[in-house]
């Protein structure tokens, strides 16, 4: 079972090389396939939030940004109102082995940072006697914000009536491929008064909405339109600068 979780925090990490001039430093952890277990994802979030909390109490602390990227399947178990992300070690007959979005939301709620959540999940129905139905990214986004109750950007892979496609030319899901295409293109960059090029959240969303349909058309797949929600008092955010 494939699953991926990426946790990125913009915070001070001495001597750590990075190419994003929008932040003083970037700390990232990537969990792919067998690495993306429930305990590993939880621990990565716990460690990142703890580091943000420690930094927030230091004199002169600057604004931080926490980014969570989930790629895989979302589902609901029969008799359980909660939603779950299928981590690598999920047992479809035991709901407690899945990563509850209530757990994720509660961890995000205590992070002293702006939060960006990217969700590349799909509607795919899951086999197993204990499974009610697959969940689309649109529903996952609503649930995450409901349980976290904090300001955040939530970027979902597709509309509620669409399927989040897999199989880009690079082997990524379409949403992930569109994200990479946006970050690698100069088309969506804006030049500031200091002459430097930057990518804002608004520009990123514009890029995703342009790139995802272009990629699905090139692959001969049904249209896919990313959906974005801004919750709470979300501030304008520059996420990348060259």
C-alpha atoms as a PDB file:
ATOM      1  CA  UNK A   1       0.000   0.000   0.000  1.00  0.00           C
ATOM      2  CA  UNK A   2       1.506   3.292  -1.102  1.00  0.00           C
ATOM      3  CA  UNK A   3       1.378   6.324   1.160  1.00  0.00           C
ATOM      4  CA  UNK A   4       3.434   9.463   1.473  1.00  0.00           C
ATOM      5  CA  UNK A   5       3.630  12.164   4.074  1.00  0.00           C
ATOM      6  CA  UNK A   6       5.812  15.228   3.968  1.00  0.00           C
ATOM      7  CA  UNK A   7       6.253  17.587   6.884  1.00  0.00           C
ATOM      8  CA  UNK A   8       8.104  20.834   6.291  1.00  0.00           C
ATOM      9  CA  UNK A   9       8.723  23.666   8.702  1.00  0.00           C
ATOM     10  CA  UNK A  10      10.327  27.019   8.036  1.00  0.00           C
ATOM     11  CA  UNK A  11      12.476  27.511  11.090  1.00  0.00           C
ATOM     12  CA  UNK A  12      16.087  28.075  12.032  1.00  0.00           C
ATOM     13  CA  UNK A  13      18.268  25.031  11.441  1.00  0.00           C
ATOM     14  CA  UNK A  14      21.946  26.091  11.601  1.00  0.00           C
ATOM     15  CA  UNK A  15      24.155  25.004   8.707  1.00  0.00           C
ATOM     16  CA  UNK A  16      21.324  23.245   6.903  1.00  0.00           C
ATOM     17  CA  UNK A  17      21.564  24.128   3.199  1.00  0.00           C
ATOM     18  CA  UNK A  18      18.410  25.155   1.388  1.00  0.00           C
ATOM     19  CA  UNK A  19      17.507  27.081  -1.741  1.00  0.00           C
ATOM     20  CA  UNK A  20      14.366  28.872  -0.600  1.00  0.00           C
ATOM     21  CA  UNK A  21      15.247  32.509   0.045  1.00  0.00           C
ATOM     22  CA  UNK A  22      11.827  33.231   1.568  1.00  0.00           C
ATOM     23  CA  UNK A  23      12.867  31.663   4.868  1.00  0.00           C
ATOM     24  CA  UNK A  24      15.916  31.782   7.076  1.00  0.00           C
ATOM     25  CA  UNK A  25      16.005  27.977   7.063  1.00  0.00           C
ATOM     26  CA  UNK A  26      13.861  25.000   6.102  1.00  0.00           C
ATOM     27  CA  UNK A  27      13.488  21.752   8.033  1.00  0.00           C
ATOM     28  CA  UNK A  28      11.828  18.877   6.167  1.00  0.00           C
ATOM     29  CA  UNK A  29      10.996  15.231   6.739  1.00  0.00           C
ATOM     30  CA  UNK A  30       9.720  12.921   3.992  1.00  0.00           C
ATOM     31  CA  UNK A  31       8.056   9.581   4.728  1.00  0.00           C
ATOM     32  CA  UNK A  32       7.395   7.361   1.691  1.00  0.00           C
ATOM     33  CA  UNK A  33       5.804   3.907   1.339  1.00  0.00           C
ATOM     34  CA  UNK A  34       6.953   1.659   4.224  1.00  0.00           C
ATOM     35  CA  UNK A  35       8.307   4.711   6.073  1.00  0.00           C
ATOM     36  CA  UNK A  36       4.838   6.279   6.208  1.00  0.00           C
ATOM     37  CA  UNK A  37       3.525   4.304   9.163  1.00  0.00           C
ATOM     38  CA  UNK A  38       1.023   5.738  11.606  1.00  0.00           C
ATOM     39  CA  UNK A  39       3.585   6.066  14.377  1.00  0.00           C
ATOM     40  CA  UNK A  40       6.195   7.634  12.099  1.00  0.00           C
ATOM     41  CA  UNK A  41       3.775  10.260  10.750  1.00  0.00           C
ATOM     42  CA  UNK A  42       2.552  11.092  14.243  1.00  0.00           C
ATOM     43  CA  UNK A  43       6.097  11.358  15.574  1.00  0.00           C
ATOM     44  CA  UNK A  44       7.181  13.621  12.712  1.00  0.00           C
ATOM     45  CA  UNK A  45       4.298  15.997  13.459  1.00  0.00           C
ATOM     46  CA  UNK A  46       4.882  15.892  17.213  1.00  0.00           C
ATOM     47  CA  UNK A  47       8.589  16.674  16.780  1.00  0.00           C
ATOM     48  CA  UNK A  48       7.955  19.495  14.318  1.00  0.00           C
ATOM     49  CA  UNK A  49       5.272  21.140  16.450  1.00  0.00           C
ATOM     50  CA  UNK A  50       7.484  20.860  19.544  1.00  0.00           C
ATOM     51  CA  UNK A  51      10.342  22.568  17.693  1.00  0.00           C
ATOM     52  CA  UNK A  52       7.997  25.350  16.578  1.00  0.00           C
ATOM     53  CA  UNK A  53       6.684  25.814  20.108  1.00  0.00           C
ATOM     54  CA  UNK A  54      10.221  26.085  21.520  1.00  0.00           C
ATOM     55  CA  UNK A  55      11.189  28.593  18.857  1.00  0.00           C
ATOM     56  CA  UNK A  56       8.051  30.702  19.373  1.00  0.00           C
ATOM     57  CA  UNK A  57       9.041  31.482  22.970  1.00  0.00           C
ATOM     58  CA  UNK A  58      12.499  32.783  22.082  1.00  0.00           C
ATOM     59  CA  UNK A  59      13.072  36.573  21.998  1.00  0.00           C
ATOM     60  CA  UNK A  60      12.723  38.038  18.518  1.00  0.00           C
ATOM     61  CA  UNK A  61      11.124  34.903  17.061  1.00  0.00           C
ATOM     62  CA  UNK A  62       9.835  35.409  13.526  1.00  0.00           C
ATOM     63  CA  UNK A  63       6.748  33.954  11.900  1.00  0.00           C
ATOM     64  CA  UNK A  64       6.986  30.255  11.016  1.00  0.00           C
ATOM     65  CA  UNK A  65       5.124  28.173   8.457  1.00  0.00           C
ATOM     66  CA  UNK A  66       4.223  24.489   8.820  1.00  0.00           C
ATOM     67  CA  UNK A  67       3.472  22.551   5.630  1.00  0.00           C
ATOM     68  CA  UNK A  68       1.843  19.094   5.672  1.00  0.00           C
ATOM     69  CA  UNK A  69       1.566  17.102   2.439  1.00  0.00           C
ATOM     70  CA  UNK A  70      -0.537  13.918   2.389  1.00  0.00           C
ATOM     71  CA  UNK A  71      -0.584  11.659  -0.681  1.00  0.00           C
ATOM     72  CA  UNK A  72      -2.518   8.398  -0.670  1.00  0.00           C
ATOM     73  CA  UNK A  73      -6.094   7.368   0.124  1.00  0.00           C
ATOM     74  CA  UNK A  74      -8.654   8.717   2.565  1.00  0.00           C
ATOM     75  CA  UNK A  75     -11.418   6.480   3.908  1.00  0.00           C
ATOM     76  CA  UNK A  76     -14.107   6.001   6.523  1.00  0.00           C
ATOM     77  CA  UNK A  77     -14.752   2.854   8.549  1.00  0.00           C
ATOM     78  CA  UNK A  78     -18.276   1.532   9.049  1.00  0.00           C
ATOM     79  CA  UNK A  79     -19.671   2.792  12.353  1.00  0.00           C
ATOM     80  CA  UNK A  80     -16.985   5.435  12.873  1.00  0.00           C
ATOM     81  CA  UNK A  81     -17.716   9.095  12.044  1.00  0.00           C
ATOM     82  CA  UNK A  82     -14.028   9.971  11.804  1.00  0.00           C
ATOM     83  CA  UNK A  83     -12.017  10.105   8.595  1.00  0.00           C
ATOM     84  CA  UNK A  84      -8.701   8.316   8.153  1.00  0.00           C
ATOM     85  CA  UNK A  85      -5.608   8.659   6.003  1.00  0.00           C
ATOM     86  CA  UNK A  86      -4.305   5.283   4.857  1.00  0.00           C
ATOM     87  CA  UNK A  87      -0.821   5.086   6.272  1.00  0.00           C
ATOM     88  CA  UNK A  88       1.387   2.233   5.026  1.00  0.00           C
ATOM     89  CA  UNK A  89       0.598  -0.105   7.924  1.00  0.00           C
ATOM     90  CA  UNK A  90      -3.186   0.375   7.986  1.00  0.00           C
ATOM     91  CA  UNK A  91      -5.130  -2.845   8.553  1.00  0.00           C
ATOM     92  CA  UNK A  92      -8.438  -2.378   6.729  1.00  0.00           C
ATOM     93  CA  UNK A  93     -10.167  -4.561   9.318  1.00  0.00           C
ATOM     94  CA  UNK A  94      -8.884  -2.519  12.290  1.00  0.00           C
ATOM     95  CA  UNK A  95      -9.710   1.170  12.170  1.00  0.00           C
ATOM     96  CA  UNK A  96      -7.392   2.001  15.073  1.00  0.00           C
ATOM     97  CA  UNK A  97      -4.419   1.261  12.791  1.00  0.00           C
ATOM     98  CA  UNK A  98      -5.325   4.150  10.460  1.00  0.00           C
ATOM     99  CA  UNK A  99      -4.283   7.765  10.994  1.00  0.00           C
ATOM    100  CA  UNK A 100      -7.328   9.659  12.217  1.00  0.00           C
ATOM    101  CA  UNK A 101      -7.736  13.172  10.838  1.00  0.00           C
ATOM    102  CA  UNK A 102      -8.940  14.174  14.295  1.00  0.00           C
ATOM    103  CA  UNK A 103      -5.462  13.300  15.554  1.00  0.00           C
ATOM    104  CA  UNK A 104      -3.835  15.255  12.742  1.00  0.00           C
ATOM    105  CA  UNK A 105      -6.084  18.269  13.291  1.00  0.00           C
ATOM    106  CA  UNK A 106      -5.432  18.338  17.023  1.00  0.00           C
ATOM    107  CA  UNK A 107      -1.670  18.332  16.424  1.00  0.00           C
ATOM    108  CA  UNK A 108      -1.922  21.136  13.862  1.00  0.00           C
ATOM    109  CA  UNK A 109      -4.118  23.161  16.226  1.00  0.00           C
ATOM    110  CA  UNK A 110      -1.296  23.718  18.722  1.00  0.00           C
ATOM    111  CA  UNK A 111       1.392  24.663  16.181  1.00  0.00           C
ATOM    112  CA  UNK A 112       2.367  28.358  16.604  1.00  0.00           C
ATOM    113  CA  UNK A 113       2.669  28.858  12.855  1.00  0.00           C
ATOM    114  CA  UNK A 114       0.765  29.453   9.692  1.00  0.00           C
ATOM    115  CA  UNK A 115      -0.336  26.065   8.377  1.00  0.00           C
ATOM    116  CA  UNK A 116      -0.448  24.903   4.757  1.00  0.00           C
ATOM    117  CA  UNK A 117      -2.007  21.485   4.097  1.00  0.00           C
ATOM    118  CA  UNK A 118      -1.763  19.852   0.668  1.00  0.00           C
ATOM    119  CA  UNK A 119      -3.956  16.801   0.065  1.00  0.00           C
ATOM    120  CA  UNK A 120      -3.399  14.464  -2.885  1.00  0.00           C
ATOM    121  CA  UNK A 121      -5.941  11.760  -2.067  1.00  0.00           C
ATOM    122  CA  UNK A 122      -8.620  10.244  -4.264  1.00  0.00           C
ATOM    123  CA  UNK A 123     -12.145   8.835  -4.303  1.00  0.00           C
ATOM    124  CA  UNK A 124     -10.960   5.266  -4.819  1.00  0.00           C
ATOM    125  CA  UNK A 125     -13.173   2.777  -2.980  1.00  0.00           C
ATOM    126  CA  UNK A 126     -11.241   0.434  -0.710  1.00  0.00           C
ATOM    127  CA  UNK A 127     -11.736  -3.322  -0.415  1.00  0.00           C
ATOM    128  CA  UNK A 128     -12.427  -4.793   3.026  1.00  0.00           C
ATOM    129  CA  UNK A 129     -15.442  -5.679   5.103  1.00  0.00           C
ATOM    130  CA  UNK A 130     -14.918  -2.802   7.516  1.00  0.00           C
ATOM    131  CA  UNK A 131     -14.739  -0.047   4.885  1.00  0.00           C
ATOM    132  CA  UNK A 132     -17.670   2.224   4.196  1.00  0.00           C
ATOM    133  CA  UNK A 133     -16.359   4.258   1.254  1.00  0.00           C
ATOM    134  CA  UNK A 134     -13.402   6.112  -0.129  1.00  0.00           C
ATOM    135  CA  UNK A 135     -13.122   9.844   0.536  1.00  0.00           C
ATOM    136  CA  UNK A 136     -12.216  12.616  -1.838  1.00  0.00           C
ATOM    137  CA  UNK A 137      -9.752  15.386  -1.019  1.00  0.00           C
ATOM    138  CA  UNK A 138     -12.555  17.928  -0.772  1.00  0.00           C
ATOM    139  CA  UNK A 139     -14.099  16.095   2.183  1.00  0.00           C
ATOM    140  CA  UNK A 140     -10.725  15.481   3.799  1.00  0.00           C
ATOM    141  CA  UNK A 141     -10.001  19.234   3.649  1.00  0.00           C
ATOM    142  CA  UNK A 142     -13.255  20.127   5.393  1.00  0.00           C
ATOM    143  CA  UNK A 143     -12.642  17.604   8.149  1.00  0.00           C
ATOM    144  CA  UNK A 144      -9.073  18.729   8.789  1.00  0.00           C
ATOM    145  CA  UNK A 145     -10.097  22.346   9.290  1.00  0.00           C
ATOM    146  CA  UNK A 146     -13.105  21.370  11.385  1.00  0.00           C
ATOM    147  CA  UNK A 147     -10.992  19.555  13.952  1.00  0.00           C
ATOM    148  CA  UNK A 148      -8.042  21.966  13.937  1.00  0.00           C
ATOM    149  CA  UNK A 149     -10.053  25.208  14.189  1.00  0.00           C
ATOM    150  CA  UNK A 150      -7.066  27.342  13.232  1.00  0.00           C
ATOM    151  CA  UNK A 151      -6.123  29.569  10.322  1.00  0.00           C
ATOM    152  CA  UNK A 152      -4.771  27.549   7.452  1.00  0.00           C
ATOM    153  CA  UNK A 153      -4.488  27.132   3.719  1.00  0.00           C
ATOM    154  CA  UNK A 154      -5.903  23.802   2.513  1.00  0.00           C
ATOM    155  CA  UNK A 155      -5.068  22.821  -1.070  1.00  0.00           C
ATOM    156  CA  UNK A 156      -6.922  19.749  -2.355  1.00  0.00           C
ATOM    157  CA  UNK A 157      -6.229  17.720  -5.477  1.00  0.00           C
ATOM    158  CA  UNK A 158      -9.675  17.787  -7.088  1.00  0.00           C
ATOM    159  CA  UNK A 159     -13.288  18.870  -6.872  1.00  0.00           C
ATOM    160  CA  UNK A 160     -15.790  16.711  -4.991  1.00  0.00           C
ATOM    161  CA  UNK A 161     -17.156  15.264  -8.254  1.00  0.00           C
ATOM    162  CA  UNK A 162     -13.716  14.540  -9.735  1.00  0.00           C
ATOM    163  CA  UNK A 163     -11.113  11.823  -9.252  1.00  0.00           C
ATOM    164  CA  UNK A 164      -7.594  12.756  -8.188  1.00  0.00           C
ATOM    165  CA  UNK A 165      -5.688  11.137 -11.024  1.00  0.00           C
ATOM    166  CA  UNK A 166      -2.459   9.193 -10.816  1.00  0.00           C
ATOM    167  CA  UNK A 167       0.157   8.602 -13.482  1.00  0.00           C
ATOM    168  CA  UNK A 168       1.925  11.781 -14.569  1.00  0.00           C
ATOM    169  CA  UNK A 169       4.834  11.548 -16.974  1.00  0.00           C
ATOM    170  CA  UNK A 170       7.211  11.594 -13.966  1.00  0.00           C
ATOM    171  CA  UNK A 171       5.336   8.916 -12.034  1.00  0.00           C
ATOM    172  CA  UNK A 172       3.653  11.373  -9.652  1.00  0.00           C
ATOM    173  CA  UNK A 173      -0.015  11.953  -9.066  1.00  0.00           C
ATOM    174  CA  UNK A 174      -1.384  14.762 -11.240  1.00  0.00           C
ATOM    175  CA  UNK A 175      -1.704  17.142  -8.280  1.00  0.00           C
ATOM    176  CA  UNK A 176       1.899  16.521  -7.227  1.00  0.00           C
ATOM    177  CA  UNK A 177       3.090  16.918 -10.816  1.00  0.00           C
ATOM    178  CA  UNK A 178       1.208  20.231 -11.065  1.00  0.00           C
ATOM    179  CA  UNK A 179       2.780  21.402  -7.811  1.00  0.00           C
ATOM    180  CA  UNK A 180       6.289  20.614  -9.074  1.00  0.00           C
ATOM    181  CA  UNK A 181       5.579  22.248 -12.435  1.00  0.00           C
ATOM    182  CA  UNK A 182       4.437  25.430 -10.685  1.00  0.00           C
ATOM    183  CA  UNK A 183       7.487  25.563  -8.424  1.00  0.00           C
ATOM    184  CA  UNK A 184       9.867  24.959 -11.340  1.00  0.00           C
ATOM    185  CA  UNK A 185       8.291  27.475 -13.726  1.00  0.00           C
ATOM    186  CA  UNK A 186       9.164  31.162 -13.886  1.00  0.00           C
ATOM    187  CA  UNK A 187       5.669  31.873 -15.223  1.00  0.00           C
ATOM    188  CA  UNK A 188       4.133  32.201 -11.761  1.00  0.00           C
ATOM    189  CA  UNK A 189       6.941  34.137 -10.106  1.00  0.00           C
ATOM    190  CA  UNK A 190       6.580  37.810  -9.258  1.00  0.00           C
ATOM    191  CA  UNK A 191       9.411  40.321  -9.074  1.00  0.00           C
ATOM    192  CA  UNK A 192       9.511  42.401  -5.912  1.00  0.00           C
ATOM    193  CA  UNK A 193      10.851  45.880  -5.304  1.00  0.00           C
ATOM    194  CA  UNK A 194      14.199  44.361  -4.378  1.00  0.00           C
ATOM    195  CA  UNK A 195      14.362  42.706  -7.786  1.00  0.00           C
ATOM    196  CA  UNK A 196      14.067  39.184  -6.389  1.00  0.00           C
ATOM    197  CA  UNK A 197      11.599  36.658  -7.787  1.00  0.00           C
ATOM    198  CA  UNK A 198       9.059  35.160  -5.394  1.00  0.00           C
ATOM    199  CA  UNK A 199       6.083  32.805  -5.370  1.00  0.00           C
ATOM    200  CA  UNK A 200       3.142  33.679  -3.127  1.00  0.00           C
ATOM    201  CA  UNK A 201       0.390  31.312  -2.015  1.00  0.00           C
ATOM    202  CA  UNK A 202      -1.924  33.126  -4.436  1.00  0.00           C
ATOM    203  CA  UNK A 203       0.515  32.476  -7.286  1.00  0.00           C
ATOM    204  CA  UNK A 204       0.923  28.835  -6.245  1.00  0.00           C
ATOM    205  CA  UNK A 205      -2.832  28.310  -6.328  1.00  0.00           C
ATOM    206  CA  UNK A 206      -3.070  29.979  -9.729  1.00  0.00           C
ATOM    207  CA  UNK A 207      -0.314  27.710 -11.001  1.00  0.00           C
ATOM    208  CA  UNK A 208      -1.985  24.560  -9.695  1.00  0.00           C
ATOM    209  CA  UNK A 209      -5.284  25.496 -11.310  1.00  0.00           C
ATOM    210  CA  UNK A 210      -3.525  26.038 -14.635  1.00  0.00           C
ATOM    211  CA  UNK A 211      -1.119  23.094 -14.538  1.00  0.00           C
ATOM    212  CA  UNK A 212      -3.414  20.287 -13.345  1.00  0.00           C
ATOM    213  CA  UNK A 213      -5.868  20.545 -16.288  1.00  0.00           C
ATOM    214  CA  UNK A 214      -2.934  20.882 -18.700  1.00  0.00           C
ATOM    215  CA  UNK A 215      -1.349  17.695 -17.354  1.00  0.00           C
ATOM    216  CA  UNK A 216      -4.577  15.667 -17.409  1.00  0.00           C
ATOM    217  CA  UNK A 217      -5.245  16.787 -20.987  1.00  0.00           C
ATOM    218  CA  UNK A 218      -1.726  15.801 -22.059  1.00  0.00           C
ATOM    219  CA  UNK A 219      -2.220  12.367 -20.459  1.00  0.00           C
ATOM    220  CA  UNK A 220      -5.655  11.896 -22.013  1.00  0.00           C
ATOM    221  CA  UNK A 221      -7.319  11.750 -18.599  1.00  0.00           C
ATOM    222  CA  UNK A 222     -10.562  13.349 -17.355  1.00  0.00           C
ATOM    223  CA  UNK A 223     -10.241  16.969 -16.182  1.00  0.00           C
ATOM    224  CA  UNK A 224      -8.974  17.571 -12.642  1.00  0.00           C
ATOM    225  CA  UNK A 225      -9.368  20.930 -10.935  1.00  0.00           C
ATOM    226  CA  UNK A 226      -7.615  21.596  -7.601  1.00  0.00           C
ATOM    227  CA  UNK A 227      -9.750  23.201  -4.888  1.00  0.00           C
ATOM    228  CA  UNK A 228      -8.460  25.666  -2.294  1.00  0.00           C
ATOM    229  CA  UNK A 229      -9.862  26.871   1.005  1.00  0.00           C
ATOM    230  CA  UNK A 230      -8.577  29.599   3.260  1.00  0.00           C
ATOM    231  CA  UNK A 231      -9.696  29.346   6.876  1.00  0.00           C
ATOM    232  CA  UNK A 232      -9.439  31.992   9.588  1.00  0.00           C
ATOM    233  CA  UNK A 233      -7.304  35.119   9.459  1.00  0.00           C
ATOM    234  CA  UNK A 234      -4.856  33.852   6.849  1.00  0.00           C
ATOM    235  CA  UNK A 235      -2.139  36.368   6.058  1.00  0.00           C
ATOM    236  CA  UNK A 236      -0.597  36.887   2.612  1.00  0.00           C
ATOM    237  CA  UNK A 237       2.255  34.413   2.446  1.00  0.00           C
ATOM    238  CA  UNK A 238       5.332  34.193   0.257  1.00  0.00           C
ATOM    239  CA  UNK A 239       6.448  30.579   0.217  1.00  0.00           C
ATOM    240  CA  UNK A 240       9.333  30.632  -2.230  1.00  0.00           C
ATOM    241  CA  UNK A 241      11.912  33.214  -3.227  1.00  0.00           C
ATOM    242  CA  UNK A 242      14.887  32.962  -5.570  1.00  0.00           C
END
